[in-house]
Amino acid sequence: MRPIFADQSYLEDQHILIAVIAKDADNESYGECVVSLRCMFSEEPKDFECLLHHQGEEVGKIRSETRHVIYLIESHCGELDMMVSSIYT
């Protein structure tokens, strides 16, 4: 398996959009937040807290932790590639 992005510095500049949506057919959004990956690369779990907003109003808060596992994978050319897997709890 080959990683999609092997450059950790690129991934550190990225963000994850989290949306809390209704489970019914219309998938209505109840709130959204954005989490930066900048400080998430660590062998230890990292806590984060994010305010949920919907149409400009604060509607809640998410608290959780991320765990990033960084794999080094040897490609068929003998080069090492890095793959990042995330687990959110």
PDB file of N, CA and C in Angstrom:
ATOM      1  N   MET A   1       0.843  -1.169   0.000  1.00  0.00           N
ATOM      2  CA  MET A   1       0.000   0.000   0.000  1.00  0.00           C
ATOM      3  C   MET A   1       0.895   1.242   0.000  1.00  0.00           C
ATOM      4  N   ARG A   2       0.559   2.211  -0.829  1.00  0.00           N
ATOM      5  CA  ARG A   2       1.342   3.445  -0.936  1.00  0.00           C
ATOM      6  C   ARG A   2       0.576   4.583  -0.268  1.00  0.00           C
ATOM      7  N   PRO A   3       1.282   5.440   0.456  1.00  0.00           N
ATOM      8  CA  PRO A   3       0.597   6.584   1.074  1.00  0.00           C
ATOM      9  C   PRO A   3       0.138   7.589   0.029  1.00  0.00           C
ATOM     10  N   ILE A   4      -0.942   8.281   0.327  1.00  0.00           N
ATOM     11  CA  ILE A   4      -1.416   9.329  -0.569  1.00  0.00           C
ATOM     12  C   ILE A   4      -0.498  10.543  -0.473  1.00  0.00           C
ATOM     13  N   PHE A   5      -0.126  10.924   0.754  1.00  0.00           N
ATOM     14  CA  PHE A   5       0.774  12.048   0.992  1.00  0.00           C
ATOM     15  C   PHE A   5       1.934  11.559   1.849  1.00  0.00           C
ATOM     16  N   ALA A   6       3.128  11.574   1.319  1.00  0.00           N
ATOM     17  CA  ALA A   6       4.290  11.106   2.058  1.00  0.00           C
ATOM     18  C   ALA A   6       5.035  12.245   2.739  1.00  0.00           C
ATOM     19  N   ASP A   7       4.622  13.473   2.522  1.00  0.00           N
ATOM     20  CA  ASP A   7       5.328  14.635   3.047  1.00  0.00           C
ATOM     21  C   ASP A   7       4.638  15.133   4.320  1.00  0.00           C
ATOM     22  N   GLN A   8       5.256  14.871   5.485  1.00  0.00           N
ATOM     23  CA  GLN A   8       4.648  15.267   6.755  1.00  0.00           C
ATOM     24  C   GLN A   8       4.486  16.776   6.846  1.00  0.00           C
ATOM     25  N   SER A   9       5.426  17.552   6.325  1.00  0.00           N
ATOM     26  CA  SER A   9       5.306  19.015   6.405  1.00  0.00           C
ATOM     27  C   SER A   9       4.073  19.506   5.643  1.00  0.00           C
ATOM     28  N   TYR A  10       3.717  18.833   4.549  1.00  0.00           N
ATOM     29  CA  TYR A  10       2.490  19.181   3.827  1.00  0.00           C
ATOM     30  C   TYR A  10       1.267  18.891   4.699  1.00  0.00           C
ATOM     31  N   LEU A  11       1.240  17.697   5.307  1.00  0.00           N
ATOM     32  CA  LEU A  11       0.102  17.312   6.137  1.00  0.00           C
ATOM     33  C   LEU A  11      -0.057  18.225   7.345  1.00  0.00           C
ATOM     34  N   GLU A  12       1.054  18.712   7.904  1.00  0.00           N
ATOM     35  CA  GLU A  12       0.987  19.596   9.068  1.00  0.00           C
ATOM     36  C   GLU A  12       0.300  20.922   8.743  1.00  0.00           C
ATOM     37  N   ASP A  13       0.237  21.298   7.481  1.00  0.00           N
ATOM     38  CA  ASP A  13      -0.431  22.535   7.070  1.00  0.00           C
ATOM     39  C   ASP A  13      -1.901  22.316   6.706  1.00  0.00           C
ATOM     40  N   GLN A  14      -2.397  21.101   6.882  1.00  0.00           N
ATOM     41  CA  GLN A  14      -3.765  20.777   6.484  1.00  0.00           C
ATOM     42  C   GLN A  14      -4.718  20.830   7.685  1.00  0.00           C
ATOM     43  N   HIS A  15      -5.999  20.801   7.380  1.00  0.00           N
ATOM     44  CA  HIS A  15      -7.053  20.861   8.386  1.00  0.00           C
ATOM     45  C   HIS A  15      -8.109  19.809   8.072  1.00  0.00           C
ATOM     46  N   ILE A  16      -8.857  19.429   9.104  1.00  0.00           N
ATOM     47  CA  ILE A  16      -9.973  18.504   8.934  1.00  0.00           C
ATOM     48  C   ILE A  16     -11.250  19.251   9.273  1.00  0.00           C
ATOM     49  N   LEU A  17     -12.225  19.196   8.380  1.00  0.00           N
ATOM     50  CA  LEU A  17     -13.538  19.783   8.634  1.00  0.00           C
ATOM     51  C   LEU A  17     -14.414  18.712   9.277  1.00  0.00           C
ATOM     52  N   ILE A  18     -14.953  19.019  10.455  1.00  0.00           N
ATOM     53  CA  ILE A  18     -15.859  18.110  11.156  1.00  0.00           C
ATOM     54  C   ILE A  18     -17.251  18.722  11.113  1.00  0.00           C
ATOM     55  N   ALA A  19     -18.226  17.949  10.664  1.00  0.00           N
ATOM     56  CA  ALA A  19     -19.611  18.415  10.617  1.00  0.00           C
ATOM     57  C   ALA A  19     -20.486  17.425  11.376  1.00  0.00           C
ATOM     58  N   VAL A  20     -21.330  17.942  12.247  1.00  0.00           N
ATOM     59  CA  VAL A  20     -22.322  17.131  12.950  1.00  0.00           C
ATOM     60  C   VAL A  20     -23.603  17.266  12.145  1.00  0.00           C
ATOM     61  N   ILE A  21     -24.070  16.135  11.592  1.00  0.00           N
ATOM     62  CA  ILE A  21     -25.232  16.183  10.700  1.00  0.00           C
ATOM     63  C   ILE A  21     -26.336  15.262  11.203  1.00  0.00           C
ATOM     64  N   ALA A  22     -27.552  15.532  10.748  1.00  0.00           N
ATOM     65  CA  ALA A  22     -28.703  14.700  11.089  1.00  0.00           C
ATOM     66  C   ALA A  22     -28.572  13.347  10.405  1.00  0.00           C
ATOM     67  N   LYS A  23     -29.073  12.340  11.052  1.00  0.00           N
ATOM     68  CA  LYS A  23     -28.994  10.993  10.507  1.00  0.00           C
ATOM     69  C   LYS A  23     -30.107  10.705   9.501  1.00  0.00           C
ATOM     70  N   ASP A  24     -31.128  11.550   9.460  1.00  0.00           N
ATOM     71  CA  ASP A  24     -32.252  11.305   8.555  1.00  0.00           C
ATOM     72  C   ASP A  24     -31.895  11.677   7.113  1.00  0.00           C
ATOM     73  N   ALA A  25     -32.841  11.592   6.250  1.00  0.00           N
ATOM     74  CA  ALA A  25     -32.607  11.729   4.807  1.00  0.00           C
ATOM     75  C   ALA A  25     -32.073  13.088   4.374  1.00  0.00           C
ATOM     76  N   ASP A  26     -32.390  14.170   5.096  1.00  0.00           N
ATOM     77  CA  ASP A  26     -31.965  15.482   4.604  1.00  0.00           C
ATOM     78  C   ASP A  26     -30.530  15.843   4.990  1.00  0.00           C
ATOM     79  N   ASN A  27     -29.894  15.061   5.862  1.00  0.00           N
ATOM     80  CA  ASN A  27     -28.505  15.304   6.274  1.00  0.00           C
ATOM     81  C   ASN A  27     -28.263  16.740   6.714  1.00  0.00           C
ATOM     82  N   GLU A  28     -29.204  17.317   7.431  1.00  0.00           N
ATOM     83  CA  GLU A  28     -29.072  18.696   7.902  1.00  0.00           C
ATOM     84  C   GLU A  28     -27.879  18.820   8.844  1.00  0.00           C
ATOM     85  N   SER A  29     -27.104  19.882   8.664  1.00  0.00           N
ATOM     86  CA  SER A  29     -25.947  20.134   9.514  1.00  0.00           C
ATOM     87  C   SER A  29     -26.381  20.859  10.782  1.00  0.00           C
ATOM     88  N   TYR A  30     -25.890  20.368  11.926  1.00  0.00           N
ATOM     89  CA  TYR A  30     -26.171  21.016  13.208  1.00  0.00           C
ATOM     90  C   TYR A  30     -24.998  21.872  13.671  1.00  0.00           C
ATOM     91  N   GLY A  31     -23.830  21.651  13.107  1.00  0.00           N
ATOM     92  CA  GLY A  31     -22.665  22.434  13.489  1.00  0.00           C
ATOM     93  C   GLY A  31     -21.422  21.944  12.778  1.00  0.00           C
ATOM     94  N   GLU A  32     -20.462  22.848  12.608  1.00  0.00           N
ATOM     95  CA  GLU A  32     -19.221  22.519  11.924  1.00  0.00           C
ATOM     96  C   GLU A  32     -18.055  23.125  12.698  1.00  0.00           C
ATOM     97  N   CYS A  33     -16.889  22.490  12.566  1.00  0.00           N
ATOM     98  CA  CYS A  33     -15.656  23.058  13.108  1.00  0.00           C
ATOM     99  C   CYS A  33     -14.489  22.550  12.270  1.00  0.00           C
ATOM    100  N   VAL A  34     -13.358  23.207  12.417  1.00  0.00           N
ATOM    101  CA  VAL A  34     -12.156  22.851  11.673  1.00  0.00           C
ATOM    102  C   VAL A  34     -11.037  22.576  12.672  1.00  0.00           C
ATOM    103  N   VAL A  35     -10.336  21.456  12.487  1.00  0.00           N
ATOM    104  CA  VAL A  35      -9.236  21.069  13.366  1.00  0.00           C
ATOM    105  C   VAL A  35      -7.943  21.090  12.562  1.00  0.00           C
ATOM    106  N   SER A  36      -6.948  21.794  13.064  1.00  0.00           N
ATOM    107  CA  SER A  36      -5.640  21.861  12.420  1.00  0.00           C
ATOM    108  C   SER A  36      -4.841  20.599  12.732  1.00  0.00           C
ATOM    109  N   LEU A  37      -4.090  20.113  11.760  1.00  0.00           N
ATOM    110  CA  LEU A  37      -3.218  18.958  11.980  1.00  0.00           C
ATOM    111  C   LEU A  37      -1.830  19.368  12.468  1.00  0.00           C
ATOM    112  N   ARG A  38      -1.560  20.657  12.583  1.00  0.00           N
ATOM    113  CA  ARG A  38      -0.223  21.167  12.898  1.00  0.00           C
ATOM    114  C   ARG A  38       0.425  20.474  14.096  1.00  0.00           C
ATOM    115  N   CYS A  39      -0.256  20.356  15.202  1.00  0.00           N
ATOM    116  CA  CYS A  39       0.344  19.805  16.428  1.00  0.00           C
ATOM    117  C   CYS A  39      -0.040  18.353  16.673  1.00  0.00           C
ATOM    118  N   MET A  40      -0.591  17.696  15.694  1.00  0.00           N
ATOM    119  CA  MET A  40      -1.127  16.359  15.914  1.00  0.00           C
ATOM    120  C   MET A  40      -0.143  15.223  15.634  1.00  0.00           C
ATOM    121  N   PHE A  41       1.037  15.522  15.135  1.00  0.00           N
ATOM    122  CA  PHE A  41       1.990  14.465  14.812  1.00  0.00           C
ATOM    123  C   PHE A  41       2.827  14.146  16.042  1.00  0.00           C
ATOM    124  N   SER A  42       2.474  13.054  16.697  1.00  0.00           N
ATOM    125  CA  SER A  42       3.123  12.678  17.941  1.00  0.00           C
ATOM    126  C   SER A  42       2.847  11.209  18.194  1.00  0.00           C
ATOM    127  N   GLU A  43       3.716  10.581  18.943  1.00  0.00           N
ATOM    128  CA  GLU A  43       3.464   9.200  19.334  1.00  0.00           C
ATOM    129  C   GLU A  43       2.450   9.136  20.463  1.00  0.00           C
ATOM    130  N   GLU A  44       2.264  10.241  21.179  1.00  0.00           N
ATOM    131  CA  GLU A  44       1.308  10.320  22.278  1.00  0.00           C
ATOM    132  C   GLU A  44      -0.030  10.858  21.767  1.00  0.00           C
ATOM    133  N   PRO A  45      -1.145  10.414  22.355  1.00  0.00           N
ATOM    134  CA  PRO A  45      -2.448  10.984  21.983  1.00  0.00           C
ATOM    135  C   PRO A  45      -2.470  12.488  22.237  1.00  0.00           C
ATOM    136  N   LYS A  46      -3.125  13.226  21.366  1.00  0.00           N
ATOM    137  CA  LYS A  46      -3.239  14.682  21.490  1.00  0.00           C
ATOM    138  C   LYS A  46      -4.705  15.052  21.670  1.00  0.00           C
ATOM    139  N   ASP A  47      -4.996  15.770  22.755  1.00  0.00           N
ATOM    140  CA  ASP A  47      -6.352  16.259  22.989  1.00  0.00           C
ATOM    141  C   ASP A  47      -6.626  17.477  22.122  1.00  0.00           C
ATOM    142  N   PHE A  48      -7.875  17.637  21.730  1.00  0.00           N
ATOM    143  CA  PHE A  48      -8.270  18.877  21.071  1.00  0.00           C
ATOM    144  C   PHE A  48      -9.681  19.238  21.499  1.00  0.00           C
ATOM    145  N   GLU A  49      -9.980  20.508  21.424  1.00  0.00           N
ATOM    146  CA  GLU A  49     -11.306  21.022  21.730  1.00  0.00           C
ATOM    147  C   GLU A  49     -11.650  22.011  20.636  1.00  0.00           C
ATOM    148  N   CYS A  50     -12.858  21.932  20.146  1.00  0.00           N
ATOM    149  CA  CYS A  50     -13.254  22.770  19.021  1.00  0.00           C
ATOM    150  C   CYS A  50     -14.695  23.229  19.222  1.00  0.00           C
ATOM    151  N   LEU A  51     -14.938  24.514  18.996  1.00  0.00           N
ATOM    152  CA  LEU A  51     -16.295  25.051  19.086  1.00  0.00           C
ATOM    153  C   LEU A  51     -17.040  24.763  17.786  1.00  0.00           C
ATOM    154  N   LEU A  52     -18.258  24.275  17.904  1.00  0.00           N
ATOM    155  CA  LEU A  52     -19.111  24.043  16.742  1.00  0.00           C
ATOM    156  C   LEU A  52     -19.888  25.314  16.434  1.00  0.00           C
ATOM    157  N   HIS A  53     -19.939  25.674  15.163  1.00  0.00           N
ATOM    158  CA  HIS A  53     -20.707  26.836  14.715  1.00  0.00           C
ATOM    159  C   HIS A  53     -21.672  26.407  13.617  1.00  0.00           C
ATOM    160  N   HIS A  54     -22.809  27.074  13.580  1.00  0.00           N
ATOM    161  CA  HIS A  54     -23.766  26.851  12.499  1.00  0.00           C
ATOM    162  C   HIS A  54     -24.375  28.200  12.140  1.00  0.00           C
ATOM    163  N   GLN A  55     -24.224  28.575  10.896  1.00  0.00           N
ATOM    164  CA  GLN A  55     -24.712  29.861  10.383  1.00  0.00           C
ATOM    165  C   GLN A  55     -24.235  31.021  11.256  1.00  0.00           C
ATOM    166  N   GLY A  56     -22.952  30.954  11.643  1.00  0.00           N
ATOM    167  CA  GLY A  56     -22.329  32.039  12.397  1.00  0.00           C
ATOM    168  C   GLY A  56     -22.562  32.024  13.894  1.00  0.00           C
ATOM    169  N   GLU A  57     -23.360  31.104  14.397  1.00  0.00           N
ATOM    170  CA  GLU A  57     -23.646  31.035  15.830  1.00  0.00           C
ATOM    171  C   GLU A  57     -22.956  29.829  16.455  1.00  0.00           C
ATOM    172  N   GLU A  58     -22.431  30.017  17.672  1.00  0.00           N
ATOM    173  CA  GLU A  58     -21.851  28.909  18.412  1.00  0.00           C
ATOM    174  C   GLU A  58     -22.980  28.007  18.900  1.00  0.00           C
ATOM    175  N   VAL A  59     -22.877  26.706  18.565  1.00  0.00           N
ATOM    176  CA  VAL A  59     -23.951  25.774  18.916  1.00  0.00           C
ATOM    177  C   VAL A  59     -23.482  24.606  19.779  1.00  0.00           C
ATOM    178  N   GLY A  60     -22.200  24.527  20.052  1.00  0.00           N
ATOM    179  CA  GLY A  60     -21.721  23.424  20.878  1.00  0.00           C
ATOM    180  C   GLY A  60     -20.217  23.344  20.886  1.00  0.00           C
ATOM    181  N   LYS A  61     -19.723  22.243  21.432  1.00  0.00           N
ATOM    182  CA  LYS A  61     -18.288  22.049  21.577  1.00  0.00           C
ATOM    183  C   LYS A  61     -17.979  20.563  21.406  1.00  0.00           C
ATOM    184  N   ILE A  62     -16.859  20.272  20.758  1.00  0.00           N
ATOM    185  CA  ILE A  62     -16.373  18.899  20.621  1.00  0.00           C
ATOM    186  C   ILE A  62     -15.054  18.809  21.373  1.00  0.00           C
ATOM    187  N   ARG A  63     -14.933  17.793  22.205  1.00  0.00           N
ATOM    188  CA  ARG A  63     -13.661  17.488  22.869  1.00  0.00           C
ATOM    189  C   ARG A  63     -13.322  16.051  22.547  1.00  0.00           C
ATOM    190  N   SER A  64     -12.088  15.809  22.128  1.00  0.00           N
ATOM    191  CA  SER A  64     -11.684  14.460  21.769  1.00  0.00           C
ATOM    192  C   SER A  64     -10.168  14.381  21.768  1.00  0.00           C
ATOM    193  N   GLU A  65      -9.656  13.297  21.248  1.00  0.00           N
ATOM    194  CA  GLU A  65      -8.213  13.164  21.095  1.00  0.00           C
ATOM    195  C   GLU A  65      -7.921  12.478  19.774  1.00  0.00           C
ATOM    196  N   THR A  66      -6.754  12.743  19.260  1.00  0.00           N
ATOM    197  CA  THR A  66      -6.314  12.063  18.044  1.00  0.00           C
ATOM    198  C   THR A  66      -5.087  11.249  18.376  1.00  0.00           C
ATOM    199  N   ARG A  67      -4.948  10.180  17.656  1.00  0.00           N
ATOM    200  CA  ARG A  67      -3.737   9.368  17.743  1.00  0.00           C
ATOM    201  C   ARG A  67      -3.261   9.166  16.322  1.00  0.00           C
ATOM    202  N   HIS A  68      -2.057   9.574  16.059  1.00  0.00           N
ATOM    203  CA  HIS A  68      -1.496   9.400  14.719  1.00  0.00           C
ATOM    204  C   HIS A  68      -0.449   8.310  14.771  1.00  0.00           C
ATOM    205  N   VAL A  69      -0.559   7.409  13.853  1.00  0.00           N
ATOM    206  CA  VAL A  69       0.422   6.355  13.716  1.00  0.00           C
ATOM    207  C   VAL A  69       1.155   6.615  12.412  1.00  0.00           C
ATOM    208  N   ILE A  70       2.469   6.752  12.487  1.00  0.00           N
ATOM    209  CA  ILE A  70       3.264   7.032  11.295  1.00  0.00           C
ATOM    210  C   ILE A  70       3.993   5.753  10.905  1.00  0.00           C
ATOM    211  N   TYR A  71       3.716   5.282   9.732  1.00  0.00           N
ATOM    212  CA  TYR A  71       4.323   4.061   9.228  1.00  0.00           C
ATOM    213  C   TYR A  71       5.403   4.411   8.209  1.00  0.00           C
ATOM    214  N   LEU A  72       6.497   3.697   8.254  1.00  0.00           N
ATOM    215  CA  LEU A  72       7.481   3.795   7.184  1.00  0.00           C
ATOM    216  C   LEU A  72       7.315   2.548   6.326  1.00  0.00           C
ATOM    217  N   ILE A  73       7.087   2.756   5.058  1.00  0.00           N
ATOM    218  CA  ILE A  73       6.823   1.656   4.131  1.00  0.00           C
ATOM    219  C   ILE A  73       7.913   1.650   3.067  1.00  0.00           C
ATOM    220  N   GLU A  74       8.505   0.507   2.854  1.00  0.00           N
ATOM    221  CA  GLU A  74       9.518   0.411   1.816  1.00  0.00           C
ATOM    222  C   GLU A  74       8.826   0.126   0.488  1.00  0.00           C
ATOM    223  N   SER A  75       9.044   0.993  -0.475  1.00  0.00           N
ATOM    224  CA  SER A  75       8.421   0.814  -1.786  1.00  0.00           C
ATOM    225  C   SER A  75       9.214  -0.199  -2.602  1.00  0.00           C
ATOM    226  N   HIS A  76       8.681  -0.536  -3.745  1.00  0.00           N
ATOM    227  CA  HIS A  76       9.347  -1.501  -4.620  1.00  0.00           C
ATOM    228  C   HIS A  76      10.675  -0.969  -5.141  1.00  0.00           C
ATOM    229  N   CYS A  77      10.912   0.346  -5.045  1.00  0.00           N
ATOM    230  CA  CYS A  77      12.177   0.936  -5.487  1.00  0.00           C
ATOM    231  C   CYS A  77      13.193   1.003  -4.346  1.00  0.00           C
ATOM    232  N   GLY A  78      12.812   0.529  -3.162  1.00  0.00           N
ATOM    233  CA  GLY A  78      13.715   0.563  -2.030  1.00  0.00           C
ATOM    234  C   GLY A  78      13.669   1.866  -1.245  1.00  0.00           C
ATOM    235  N   GLU A  79      12.803   2.809  -1.647  1.00  0.00           N
ATOM    236  CA  GLU A  79      12.692   4.072  -0.926  1.00  0.00           C
ATOM    237  C   GLU A  79      11.722   3.906   0.234  1.00  0.00           C
ATOM    238  N   LEU A  80      11.910   4.734   1.261  1.00  0.00           N
ATOM    239  CA  LEU A  80      10.991   4.697   2.392  1.00  0.00           C
ATOM    240  C   LEU A  80       9.921   5.747   2.207  1.00  0.00           C
ATOM    241  N   ASP A  81       8.682   5.362   2.382  1.00  0.00           N
ATOM    242  CA  ASP A  81       7.550   6.278   2.311  1.00  0.00           C
ATOM    243  C   ASP A  81       6.874   6.302   3.679  1.00  0.00           C
ATOM    244  N   MET A  82       6.286   7.426   4.007  1.00  0.00           N
ATOM    245  CA  MET A  82       5.591   7.571   5.275  1.00  0.00           C
ATOM    246  C   MET A  82       4.089   7.558   5.023  1.00  0.00           C
ATOM    247  N   MET A  83       3.364   6.840   5.860  1.00  0.00           N
ATOM    248  CA  MET A  83       1.914   6.831   5.761  1.00  0.00           C
ATOM    249  C   MET A  83       1.351   7.181   7.132  1.00  0.00           C
ATOM    250  N   VAL A  84       0.385   8.064   7.149  1.00  0.00           N
ATOM    251  CA  VAL A  84      -0.203   8.509   8.407  1.00  0.00           C
ATOM    252  C   VAL A  84      -1.610   7.954   8.510  1.00  0.00           C
ATOM    253  N   SER A  85      -1.895   7.336   9.623  1.00  0.00           N
ATOM    254  CA  SER A  85      -3.230   6.827   9.903  1.00  0.00           C
ATOM    255  C   SER A  85      -3.732   7.529  11.152  1.00  0.00           C
ATOM    256  N   SER A  86      -4.965   7.965  11.141  1.00  0.00           N
ATOM    257  CA  SER A  86      -5.516   8.700  12.279  1.00  0.00           C
ATOM    258  C   SER A  86      -6.673   7.938  12.888  1.00  0.00           C
ATOM    259  N   ILE A  87      -6.733   7.990  14.205  1.00  0.00           N
ATOM    260  CA  ILE A  87      -7.846   7.402  14.933  1.00  0.00           C
ATOM    261  C   ILE A  87      -8.428   8.500  15.804  1.00  0.00           C
ATOM    262  N   TYR A  88      -9.714   8.753  15.667  1.00  0.00           N
ATOM    263  CA  TYR A  88     -10.387   9.761  16.483  1.00  0.00           C
ATOM    264  C   TYR A  88     -11.303   9.057  17.453  1.00  0.00           C
ATOM    265  N   THR A  89     -11.240   9.461  18.713  1.00  0.00           N
ATOM    266  CA  THR A  89     -12.100   8.843  19.722  1.00  0.00           C
ATOM    267  C   THR A  89     -13.008   9.874  20.333  1.00  0.00           C
TER     268      THR A  89
END
